[in-house]
Amino acid sequence: MLISMFGLAQTVWLRALMAFLTSLILSLLFGSSVIKVLHHFQHHGQPIRTDGPQSHLQTKQGTPTMGGLLILATSMLSIVLFANIKYHFVWVSLLVLGVYGLTGFVDDYIKVTKETPNALTAKTKLFLQFMTAVIVATIITAATPRASSSILYIPYIRFTLTLAWLYIPFAVVVISGTSNAVNLTDGLDGLASGLLVLAFTFFAVMAFIVGTPLADAFRFPYIPRASEITVVCAALAGSCLGFLHFNAPKAKVFMGDTGSLALGAVLGTIAVILKQEFLLAIVGIIFVCETLSVMIQVIYYRKTGKRFFKMAPIHHHFEQCGWSERKVVLRFWLIGFISAFIGFMSLIKF
């Protein structure tokens, strides 16, 4: 670990701060160059779905995708520099970023080269996501103390439910589900990246608590060495914040499946490592609502032949109701901030 040369290896928060600043600064420094390269190889930008809001066909046409490469490169570099990659939890996080990022990259590449909004089939992507999640969930379970390896912890009421052999399938659903939820949310300029900054910041704090003796003080499950995930979350938050500078309305680049699939998957993975899947649903309430809106729309349409929402995911519904894109994004960010605050209330002893 390079950072050990500077005598900072023992200070998690200092390393987390350095990881955050490094990924943030690198994103801001190289963002414009990355966008120019993506523009050069993507003459027509990301193909825009014709069944989406018609305004997007005019305002977003020609905007390059695969901006997730900037997030992944800067965050993974910061993680390697400042986190202890000998720990299972750290290299598993890197594995998730790499595999899901590669899956998203292939999908984006086919979309751009063939100029189609549809690339890899849903079955192919789901298969790759689930198989990776099975491997990751198994490694995490094996690296976690037996007493905590298969539990579902419910904060606020401090209740622990043992899932036994059901835990790995549950963890697989959490990881894959979060990956797809973030992917669905990434439909408006800055929406997903802004919410991810909030989520990773929240879990940076939770990782430090769960991985230190503070866990007992707050009556959370203690996961040895999980505090190293604080550095991982900080690096990811910094990269997402730097990317947001270029992705905020009006976006100069989209993260694409390259970023959304990988970032969603690693967010789910972090929640599984920390045994905070319940808090993930609260802090990521927008991701949950986006996914539910699509499920409701599909089921309702198959049953009645009518649409429950004007358009799904739900952020498009509000656009169809007359809200501007900026208004939807800001309102959803506000909800994300409130949900993060509610998540932090789990630290209070009632």
Protein backbone atom coordinates (compact mmCIF):
# COMPACT_ATOMS: atom_id res chain seq x y z
CA MET A 1 0.00 0.00 0.00
CA LEU A 2 1.60 3.24 -1.20
CA ILE A 3 0.09 5.33 1.57
CA SER A 4 2.03 3.39 4.23
CA MET A 5 5.14 5.21 2.97
CA PHE A 6 3.74 8.38 4.47
CA GLY A 7 2.91 6.88 7.83
CA LEU A 8 -0.85 7.29 7.50
CA ALA A 9 -1.91 3.66 7.25
CA GLN A 10 -3.31 3.53 10.78
CA THR A 11 -5.71 6.44 10.41
CA VAL A 12 -8.84 5.35 8.57
CA TRP A 13 -10.49 8.75 8.42
CA LEU A 14 -7.37 10.48 7.19
CA ARG A 15 -6.94 7.89 4.46
CA ALA A 16 -10.63 8.22 3.63
CA LEU A 17 -10.25 11.99 3.30
CA MET A 18 -7.24 11.57 1.05
CA ALA A 19 -9.09 8.99 -1.07
CA PHE A 20 -12.04 11.36 -1.40
CA LEU A 21 -9.89 14.34 -2.38
CA THR A 22 -7.76 12.30 -4.78
CA SER A 23 -10.74 10.84 -6.66
CA LEU A 24 -12.50 14.21 -6.68
CA ILE A 25 -9.50 16.16 -7.97
CA LEU A 26 -8.62 13.53 -10.58
CA SER A 27 -12.22 13.53 -11.82
CA LEU A 28 -12.24 17.30 -12.17
CA LEU A 29 -8.80 17.40 -13.80
CA PHE A 30 -9.36 14.67 -16.37
CA GLY A 31 -13.12 14.98 -16.88
CA SER A 32 -12.92 17.34 -19.84
CA SER A 33 -10.26 15.24 -21.55
CA VAL A 34 -12.29 12.07 -21.10
CA ILE A 35 -15.36 13.78 -22.55
CA LYS A 36 -13.36 14.90 -25.60
CA VAL A 37 -12.14 11.35 -26.19
CA LEU A 38 -15.67 9.96 -25.82
CA HIS A 39 -16.95 12.60 -28.24
CA HIS A 40 -14.28 11.60 -30.75
CA PHE A 41 -15.27 7.93 -30.72
CA GLN A 42 -19.01 8.51 -30.35
CA HIS A 43 -20.02 10.65 -33.29
CA HIS A 44 -23.72 10.56 -32.44
CA GLY A 45 -23.45 10.16 -28.67
CA GLN A 46 -25.68 7.86 -26.67
CA PRO A 47 -28.71 6.60 -28.62
CA ILE A 48 -31.85 8.10 -27.05
CA ARG A 49 -34.90 5.88 -26.66
CA THR A 50 -37.75 6.97 -28.90
CA ASP A 51 -40.32 5.78 -26.34
CA GLY A 52 -38.99 8.17 -23.68
CA PRO A 53 -39.87 11.84 -23.19
CA GLN A 54 -39.80 13.58 -26.57
CA SER A 55 -37.89 16.53 -25.11
CA HIS A 56 -34.92 14.21 -24.49
CA LEU A 57 -34.61 13.52 -28.22
CA GLN A 58 -33.70 17.17 -28.73
CA THR A 59 -31.82 18.10 -25.57
CA LYS A 60 -29.77 14.91 -25.02
CA GLN A 61 -29.03 13.77 -28.55
CA GLY A 62 -25.29 13.77 -29.22
CA THR A 63 -24.24 13.64 -25.55
CA PRO A 64 -21.54 10.96 -25.10
CA THR A 65 -22.00 8.04 -22.74
CA MET A 66 -19.55 5.73 -20.92
CA GLY A 67 -18.69 8.54 -18.50
CA GLY A 68 -18.71 5.85 -15.85
CA LEU A 69 -15.17 5.07 -16.99
CA LEU A 70 -14.07 8.31 -15.32
CA ILE A 71 -15.76 7.35 -12.06
CA LEU A 72 -14.42 3.81 -12.05
CA ALA A 73 -10.86 4.76 -12.98
CA THR A 74 -10.50 7.53 -10.38
CA SER A 75 -12.24 5.66 -7.56
CA MET A 76 -10.42 2.37 -8.13
CA LEU A 77 -7.07 4.16 -8.26
CA SER A 78 -7.84 5.97 -5.00
CA ILE A 79 -8.94 2.70 -3.37
CA VAL A 80 -5.72 0.95 -4.41
CA LEU A 81 -3.62 3.85 -3.10
CA PHE A 82 -5.29 4.45 0.24
CA ALA A 83 -7.17 1.28 1.26
CA ASN A 84 -5.70 -1.99 2.46
CA ILE A 85 -6.40 -4.21 -0.54
CA LYS A 86 -5.29 -7.28 1.42
CA TYR A 87 -8.63 -7.24 3.20
CA HIS A 88 -11.34 -9.38 1.63
CA PHE A 89 -13.93 -6.62 1.74
CA VAL A 90 -11.76 -4.16 -0.19
CA TRP A 91 -10.74 -6.42 -3.05
CA VAL A 92 -14.28 -7.79 -3.30
CA SER A 93 -15.47 -4.19 -3.79
CA LEU A 94 -12.85 -3.76 -6.52
CA LEU A 95 -13.97 -7.03 -8.11
CA VAL A 96 -17.58 -5.85 -8.22
CA LEU A 97 -16.60 -2.51 -9.75
CA GLY A 98 -14.51 -4.27 -12.37
CA VAL A 99 -16.93 -7.02 -13.42
CA TYR A 100 -20.11 -4.96 -13.39
CA GLY A 101 -18.27 -2.05 -14.99
CA LEU A 102 -17.05 -4.32 -17.80
CA THR A 103 -20.57 -5.67 -18.32
CA GLY A 104 -21.92 -2.13 -18.57
CA PHE A 105 -19.08 -1.09 -20.86
CA VAL A 106 -19.82 -3.89 -23.32
CA ASP A 107 -23.48 -2.92 -23.28
CA ASP A 108 -22.67 0.77 -23.88
CA TYR A 109 -20.14 -0.08 -26.58
CA ILE A 110 -22.67 -2.09 -28.57
CA LYS A 111 -25.25 0.68 -28.19
CA VAL A 112 -22.84 3.30 -29.51
CA THR A 113 -21.30 1.29 -32.35
CA LYS A 114 -24.62 -0.07 -33.59
CA GLU A 115 -26.48 3.15 -32.73
CA THR A 116 -29.26 1.36 -30.91
CA PRO A 117 -30.67 1.91 -27.41
CA ASN A 118 -30.85 -1.87 -26.98
CA ALA A 119 -27.64 -3.94 -26.76
CA LEU A 120 -27.12 -6.92 -24.44
CA THR A 121 -30.35 -8.78 -23.78
CA ALA A 122 -31.88 -8.49 -20.32
CA LYS A 123 -31.30 -12.22 -19.76
CA THR A 124 -27.60 -11.92 -20.59
CA LYS A 125 -27.06 -8.97 -18.25
CA LEU A 126 -29.05 -10.58 -15.45
CA PHE A 127 -27.09 -13.82 -15.79
CA LEU A 128 -23.75 -12.00 -15.52
CA GLN A 129 -25.02 -9.90 -12.61
CA PHE A 130 -26.40 -12.84 -10.67
CA MET A 131 -23.39 -15.09 -11.18
CA THR A 132 -21.02 -12.35 -10.00
CA ALA A 133 -23.29 -11.58 -7.05
CA VAL A 134 -23.34 -15.26 -6.02
CA ILE A 135 -19.53 -15.35 -5.92
CA VAL A 136 -19.33 -12.04 -4.06
CA ALA A 137 -22.02 -12.96 -1.51
CA THR A 138 -20.27 -16.28 -0.83
CA ILE A 139 -16.90 -14.59 -0.25
CA ILE A 140 -18.42 -11.96 2.04
CA THR A 141 -20.23 -14.60 4.08
CA ALA A 142 -17.05 -16.64 4.45
CA ALA A 143 -15.06 -13.55 5.52
CA THR A 144 -17.63 -12.50 8.12
CA PRO A 145 -17.65 -13.92 11.68
CA ARG A 146 -20.07 -16.85 11.90
CA ALA A 147 -22.27 -15.07 14.44
CA SER A 148 -22.99 -12.27 11.95
CA SER A 149 -22.53 -13.98 8.58
CA SER A 150 -26.18 -14.74 7.87
CA ILE A 151 -28.14 -12.13 9.79
CA LEU A 152 -30.54 -9.43 8.70
CA TYR A 153 -30.21 -6.51 11.08
CA ILE A 154 -33.16 -4.16 11.53
CA PRO A 155 -32.06 -0.84 13.08
CA TYR A 156 -34.19 1.47 15.19
CA ILE A 157 -35.72 -1.51 17.04
CA ARG A 158 -32.32 -3.27 17.20
CA PHE A 159 -33.73 -6.60 16.01
CA THR A 160 -31.65 -9.35 14.42
CA LEU A 161 -33.13 -12.04 12.19
CA THR A 162 -31.05 -15.10 11.27
CA LEU A 163 -31.63 -16.08 7.64
CA ALA A 164 -29.30 -19.12 7.68
CA TRP A 165 -28.97 -20.65 4.17
CA LEU A 166 -31.37 -18.05 2.77
CA TYR A 167 -28.88 -15.27 3.34
CA ILE A 168 -26.76 -15.79 0.23
CA PRO A 169 -29.80 -15.75 -2.13
CA PHE A 170 -31.00 -12.67 -0.25
CA ALA A 171 -27.60 -10.97 -0.66
CA VAL A 172 -27.57 -11.82 -4.37
CA VAL A 173 -30.93 -10.10 -4.81
CA VAL A 174 -29.69 -7.04 -2.87
CA ILE A 175 -26.54 -6.67 -4.97
CA SER A 176 -28.16 -7.32 -8.36
CA GLY A 177 -31.30 -5.40 -7.44
CA THR A 178 -29.37 -2.31 -6.38
CA SER A 179 -27.32 -2.48 -9.57
CA ASN A 180 -30.45 -2.42 -11.71
CA ALA A 181 -32.16 0.16 -9.49
CA VAL A 182 -29.35 2.68 -9.98
CA ASN A 183 -29.37 1.87 -13.69
CA LEU A 184 -33.08 2.72 -13.87
CA THR A 185 -32.55 5.93 -11.90
CA ASP A 186 -29.84 7.13 -14.28
CA GLY A 187 -32.26 8.76 -16.69
CA LEU A 188 -32.00 12.46 -15.84
CA ASP A 189 -28.96 14.72 -15.74
CA GLY A 190 -27.24 14.42 -12.37
CA LEU A 191 -29.99 12.40 -10.71
CA ALA A 192 -28.17 9.12 -10.05
CA SER A 193 -24.72 10.65 -9.46
CA GLY A 194 -26.08 13.12 -6.88
CA LEU A 195 -27.98 10.42 -5.00
CA LEU A 196 -24.91 8.17 -5.04
CA VAL A 197 -22.81 10.90 -3.40
CA LEU A 198 -25.30 10.96 -0.53
CA ALA A 199 -25.48 7.16 -0.27
CA PHE A 200 -21.72 6.58 -0.29
CA THR A 201 -21.19 9.36 2.25
CA PHE A 202 -23.74 7.77 4.56
CA PHE A 203 -22.17 4.31 4.27
CA ALA A 204 -18.69 5.74 4.84
CA VAL A 205 -19.84 6.77 8.32
CA MET A 206 -21.65 3.46 8.89
CA ALA A 207 -18.59 1.47 7.82
CA PHE A 208 -16.44 3.22 10.40
CA ILE A 209 -19.00 2.53 13.14
CA VAL A 210 -19.66 -1.10 12.21
CA GLY A 211 -15.96 -1.90 11.83
CA THR A 212 -14.81 -0.45 15.16
CA PRO A 213 -15.73 -0.86 18.85
CA LEU A 214 -18.28 1.90 18.26
CA ALA A 215 -20.54 -0.84 16.89
CA ASP A 216 -21.19 -2.13 20.39
CA ALA A 217 -21.87 1.37 21.69
CA PHE A 218 -24.53 1.92 19.01
CA ARG A 219 -25.71 -1.71 19.25
CA PHE A 220 -24.88 -2.53 15.64
CA PRO A 221 -23.37 -5.84 14.51
CA TYR A 222 -19.58 -5.64 14.75
CA ILE A 223 -17.87 -6.64 11.49
CA PRO A 224 -14.06 -6.83 11.92
CA ARG A 225 -12.06 -4.84 9.37
CA ALA A 226 -15.22 -3.37 7.86
CA SER A 227 -13.93 0.09 8.77
CA GLU A 228 -11.68 -0.17 5.71
CA ILE A 229 -14.84 0.21 3.62
CA THR A 230 -14.88 3.82 4.86
CA VAL A 231 -11.99 4.48 2.47
CA VAL A 232 -13.81 2.69 -0.37
CA CYS A 233 -16.96 4.75 0.15
CA ALA A 234 -15.00 8.00 0.38
CA ALA A 235 -13.21 7.29 -2.90
CA LEU A 236 -16.52 6.51 -4.61
CA ALA A 237 -18.19 9.60 -3.18
CA GLY A 238 -15.34 11.79 -4.42
CA SER A 239 -15.47 10.31 -7.93
CA CYS A 240 -19.25 10.69 -8.14
CA LEU A 241 -19.03 14.29 -6.92
CA GLY A 242 -16.36 15.10 -9.49
CA PHE A 243 -18.41 13.43 -12.21
CA LEU A 244 -21.47 15.39 -11.12
CA HIS A 245 -19.67 18.57 -12.17
CA PHE A 246 -19.92 17.34 -15.77
CA ASN A 247 -23.19 15.43 -15.41
CA ALA A 248 -25.35 18.07 -13.72
CA PRO A 249 -28.02 19.70 -15.94
CA LYS A 250 -27.29 20.23 -18.79
CA ALA A 251 -25.07 17.14 -18.85
CA LYS A 252 -21.91 17.08 -20.92
CA VAL A 253 -21.63 13.31 -20.46
CA PHE A 254 -23.72 10.37 -19.22
CA MET A 255 -22.32 7.67 -16.95
CA GLY A 256 -24.08 4.98 -18.98
CA ASP A 257 -24.42 1.35 -17.92
CA THR A 258 -20.63 1.38 -17.43
CA GLY A 259 -21.11 3.49 -14.33
CA SER A 260 -24.65 2.82 -13.15
CA LEU A 261 -24.46 -0.99 -13.08
CA ALA A 262 -21.08 -0.97 -11.30
CA LEU A 263 -21.90 1.76 -8.78
CA GLY A 264 -25.27 0.22 -7.92
CA ALA A 265 -23.69 -3.19 -7.47
CA VAL A 266 -20.90 -1.93 -5.22
CA LEU A 267 -23.45 0.04 -3.16
CA GLY A 268 -25.43 -3.17 -2.62
CA THR A 269 -22.21 -5.05 -1.87
CA ILE A 270 -21.23 -2.52 0.78
CA ALA A 271 -24.64 -2.83 2.43
CA VAL A 272 -24.21 -6.61 2.52
CA ILE A 273 -20.70 -6.34 3.99
CA LEU A 274 -21.93 -4.01 6.74
CA LYS A 275 -25.14 -6.01 7.32
CA GLN A 276 -27.11 -2.83 6.68
CA GLU A 277 -29.42 -3.96 3.86
CA PHE A 278 -32.40 -2.45 5.68
CA LEU A 279 -30.75 0.96 5.84
CA LEU A 280 -29.87 0.67 2.15
CA ALA A 281 -33.59 0.54 1.37
CA ILE A 282 -34.15 3.67 3.48
CA VAL A 283 -31.19 5.74 2.30
CA GLY A 284 -31.74 4.57 -1.27
CA ILE A 285 -35.50 5.12 -1.18
CA ILE A 286 -35.42 6.85 -4.58
CA PHE A 287 -33.72 3.81 -6.11
CA VAL A 288 -36.41 1.62 -4.54
CA CYS A 289 -39.24 3.82 -5.84
CA GLU A 290 -37.77 3.92 -9.35
CA THR A 291 -37.65 0.12 -9.44
CA LEU A 292 -41.13 -0.33 -7.97
CA SER A 293 -42.58 2.13 -10.48
CA VAL A 294 -41.29 0.01 -13.37
CA MET A 295 -42.59 -3.20 -11.80
CA ILE A 296 -46.01 -1.65 -11.13
CA GLN A 297 -46.16 -0.26 -14.67
CA VAL A 298 -45.36 -3.62 -16.28
CA ILE A 299 -47.72 -5.68 -14.11
CA TYR A 300 -50.57 -3.18 -14.39
CA TYR A 301 -50.19 -2.94 -18.18
CA ARG A 302 -50.21 -6.72 -18.58
CA LYS A 303 -53.34 -7.02 -16.45
CA THR A 304 -55.34 -4.09 -17.83
CA GLY A 305 -53.69 -2.94 -21.05
CA LYS A 306 -53.41 0.52 -19.48
CA ARG A 307 -50.53 2.41 -17.88
CA PHE A 308 -50.54 3.10 -14.15
CA PHE A 309 -48.01 5.93 -14.53
CA LYS A 310 -47.83 8.28 -17.48
CA MET A 311 -44.33 6.91 -18.02
CA ALA A 312 -41.88 4.78 -16.05
CA PRO A 313 -39.45 4.97 -14.30
CA ILE A 314 -41.23 7.44 -12.07
CA HIS A 315 -38.92 10.40 -12.78
CA HIS A 316 -40.34 10.40 -16.34
CA HIS A 317 -43.88 10.38 -14.90
CA PHE A 318 -43.22 13.72 -13.22
CA GLU A 319 -41.73 15.08 -16.43
CA GLN A 320 -44.93 14.09 -18.24
CA CYS A 321 -46.86 15.91 -15.51
CA GLY A 322 -45.14 19.14 -16.54
CA TRP A 323 -42.18 19.24 -14.14
CA SER A 324 -38.90 20.43 -15.63
CA GLU A 325 -35.98 18.03 -15.54
CA ARG A 326 -34.13 20.27 -13.10
CA LYS A 327 -37.14 20.38 -10.77
CA VAL A 328 -37.43 16.59 -10.72
CA VAL A 329 -33.72 16.16 -10.01
CA LEU A 330 -33.65 18.73 -7.20
CA ARG A 331 -36.78 17.30 -5.55
CA PHE A 332 -35.40 13.77 -5.72
CA TRP A 333 -32.07 14.95 -4.31
CA LEU A 334 -33.98 16.55 -1.43
CA ILE A 335 -35.76 13.27 -0.74
CA GLY A 336 -32.39 11.51 -0.87
CA PHE A 337 -30.96 13.96 1.67
CA ILE A 338 -33.94 13.47 4.00
CA SER A 339 -33.71 9.68 3.70
CA ALA A 340 -30.00 9.85 4.57
CA PHE A 341 -30.91 11.92 7.64
CA ILE A 342 -33.48 9.28 8.62
CA GLY A 343 -30.76 6.67 8.16
CA PHE A 344 -28.49 8.53 10.59
CA MET A 345 -31.32 8.54 13.12
CA SER A 346 -30.73 4.81 13.46
CA LEU A 347 -27.71 5.77 15.57
CA ILE A 348 -29.97 7.26 18.22
CA LYS A 349 -30.94 4.98 21.08
CA PHE A 350 -34.67 5.17 21.52
